[in-house]
Protein backbone atom coordinates (compact mmCIF):
# COMPACT_ATOMS: atom_id res chain seq x y z
CA MET A 1 0.01 0.06 0.11
CA LEU A 2 2.46 2.57 0.98
CA LEU A 3 4.67 1.72 -2.35
CA TYR A 4 0.95 2.39 -4.56
CA TYR A 5 0.65 5.62 -2.08
CA ASP A 6 4.92 6.99 -3.43
CA GLY A 7 4.58 6.09 -6.74
CA LEU A 8 0.56 7.87 -7.04
CA LEU A 9 2.28 10.32 -5.24
CA ARG A 10 5.70 10.04 -8.07
CA LEU A 11 2.49 10.49 -10.48
CA MET A 12 1.56 14.08 -9.10
CA ARG A 13 4.92 15.58 -8.62
CA ASP A 14 5.81 14.87 -11.88
CA GLY A 15 2.71 17.08 -12.71
CA GLY A 16 3.74 20.24 -11.16
CA PHE A 17 1.62 19.45 -7.83
CA SER A 18 3.39 20.44 -4.05
CA TYR A 19 3.47 18.34 -2.14
CA ASP A 20 1.11 20.67 0.48
CA LEU A 21 -1.48 20.29 -2.81
CA ILE A 22 -0.60 16.23 -3.07
CA HIS A 23 -1.35 16.56 0.95
CA HIS A 24 -5.07 17.66 0.88
CA ALA A 25 -6.03 16.06 -3.08
CA LEU A 26 -4.79 12.75 -0.69
CA HIS A 27 -7.50 13.92 1.95
CA ALA A 28 -10.02 15.35 -0.38
CA LEU A 29 -10.01 11.89 -2.69
CA GLY A 30 -9.23 9.69 -0.02
CA SER A 31 -12.47 11.21 1.93
CA ARG A 32 -15.34 12.84 0.43
CA ALA A 33 -14.81 10.06 -2.88
CA LEU A 34 -14.99 6.97 -0.43
CA GLY A 35 -18.08 8.79 1.13
CA PHE A 36 -17.48 9.54 4.69
CA SER A 37 -15.57 12.87 6.21
CA GLN A 38 -13.35 12.10 8.73
CA GLU A 39 -10.05 9.37 8.78
CA LEU A 40 -10.29 7.32 11.58
CA PHE A 41 -6.93 5.74 11.35
CA ASP A 42 -4.37 5.90 14.60
CA PRO A 43 -1.09 3.92 14.27
CA GLY A 44 -0.91 4.13 17.89
CA ALA A 45 0.59 6.90 20.02
CA ASP A 46 3.22 3.97 21.95
CA GLN A 47 4.23 3.04 17.50
CA PRO A 48 7.24 5.78 16.17
CA ALA A 49 6.86 8.40 13.78
CA ASP A 50 10.39 8.10 11.70
CA VAL A 51 10.76 6.13 9.02
CA PRO A 52 13.06 3.32 9.25
CA PRO A 53 15.67 4.12 6.57
CA ASP A 54 15.64 0.67 4.84
CA MET A 55 11.35 2.05 3.89
CA ALA A 56 12.20 5.41 3.70
CA ALA A 57 15.04 4.41 0.79
CA GLN A 58 12.18 3.04 -0.82
CA LEU A 59 9.03 5.31 -0.59
CA PRO A 60 10.98 8.76 -1.10
CA ASN A 61 7.68 10.82 -1.99
CA LEU A 62 5.63 10.20 0.65
CA VAL A 63 8.53 10.61 3.09
CA GLY A 64 9.77 13.91 1.23
CA MET A 65 6.46 14.74 2.22
CA MET A 66 5.40 13.87 5.66
CA ALA A 67 8.63 16.03 6.15
CA GLU A 68 7.27 19.06 4.62
CA ILE A 69 3.25 18.76 5.75
CA ALA A 70 3.95 16.52 9.15
CA HIS A 71 2.72 18.81 12.60
CA ASP A 72 1.21 18.98 16.03
CA ASP A 73 -2.91 18.68 15.95
CA PRO A 74 -3.29 17.32 19.20
CA GLU A 75 -7.33 18.29 18.38
CA SER A 76 -7.16 16.76 15.27
CA THR A 77 -8.03 13.09 14.31
CA LEU A 78 -5.33 12.40 12.84
CA GLY A 79 -3.02 13.91 15.82
CA TRP A 80 -1.53 15.25 12.40
CA CYS A 81 -3.46 17.29 10.59
CA ASP A 82 -6.04 19.90 10.38
CA ASP A 83 -9.70 18.39 10.35
CA GLN A 84 -11.38 21.33 9.32
CA THR A 85 -8.91 22.45 6.92
CA GLU A 86 -9.02 19.66 5.14
CA PHE A 87 -12.47 19.26 4.71
CA GLU A 88 -13.52 22.13 4.06
CA PHE A 89 -10.61 21.88 0.67
CA GLY A 90 -12.71 18.77 -0.63
CA LEU A 91 -15.56 20.75 0.31
CA ASP A 92 -14.50 23.86 -2.30
CA VAL A 93 -13.06 21.60 -4.65
CA ILE A 94 -16.64 19.71 -4.77
CA LEU A 95 -18.05 22.75 -5.26
CA ASP A 96 -15.69 24.19 -7.24
CA GLY A 97 -16.02 21.42 -9.67
CA LEU A 98 -19.71 21.18 -9.94
CA ASP A 99 -19.73 25.30 -10.37
CA ARG A 100 -17.59 24.36 -13.58
CA LEU A 101 -19.86 21.21 -14.94
CA ARG A 102 -23.12 24.08 -14.07
CA GLU A 103 -20.97 26.80 -16.35
CA ARG A 104 -20.54 24.36 -19.98
CA THR A 105 -24.78 23.71 -19.66
């Protein structure tokens, strides 16, 4: 799964996306497209946040994105993302897309 996401990030980076925009896009695609608003993945408070060096070499895009966007947010269900910001970003993407489709008709 991690190799899949790293490949997806590579494709998006090659297409000109910043890590910040990729991060928001993954939330929008991973949450809203699947029909729920909160991602409740919790690796466990006792788990280290560092990626083992042998795995980091295999996941350069994922490691790069996490190094750029990770921050502490104790109020978040993820523990390091602003849930409200991600919800609003995903909603804006959906509404902007619908508005563009409306303008075409």
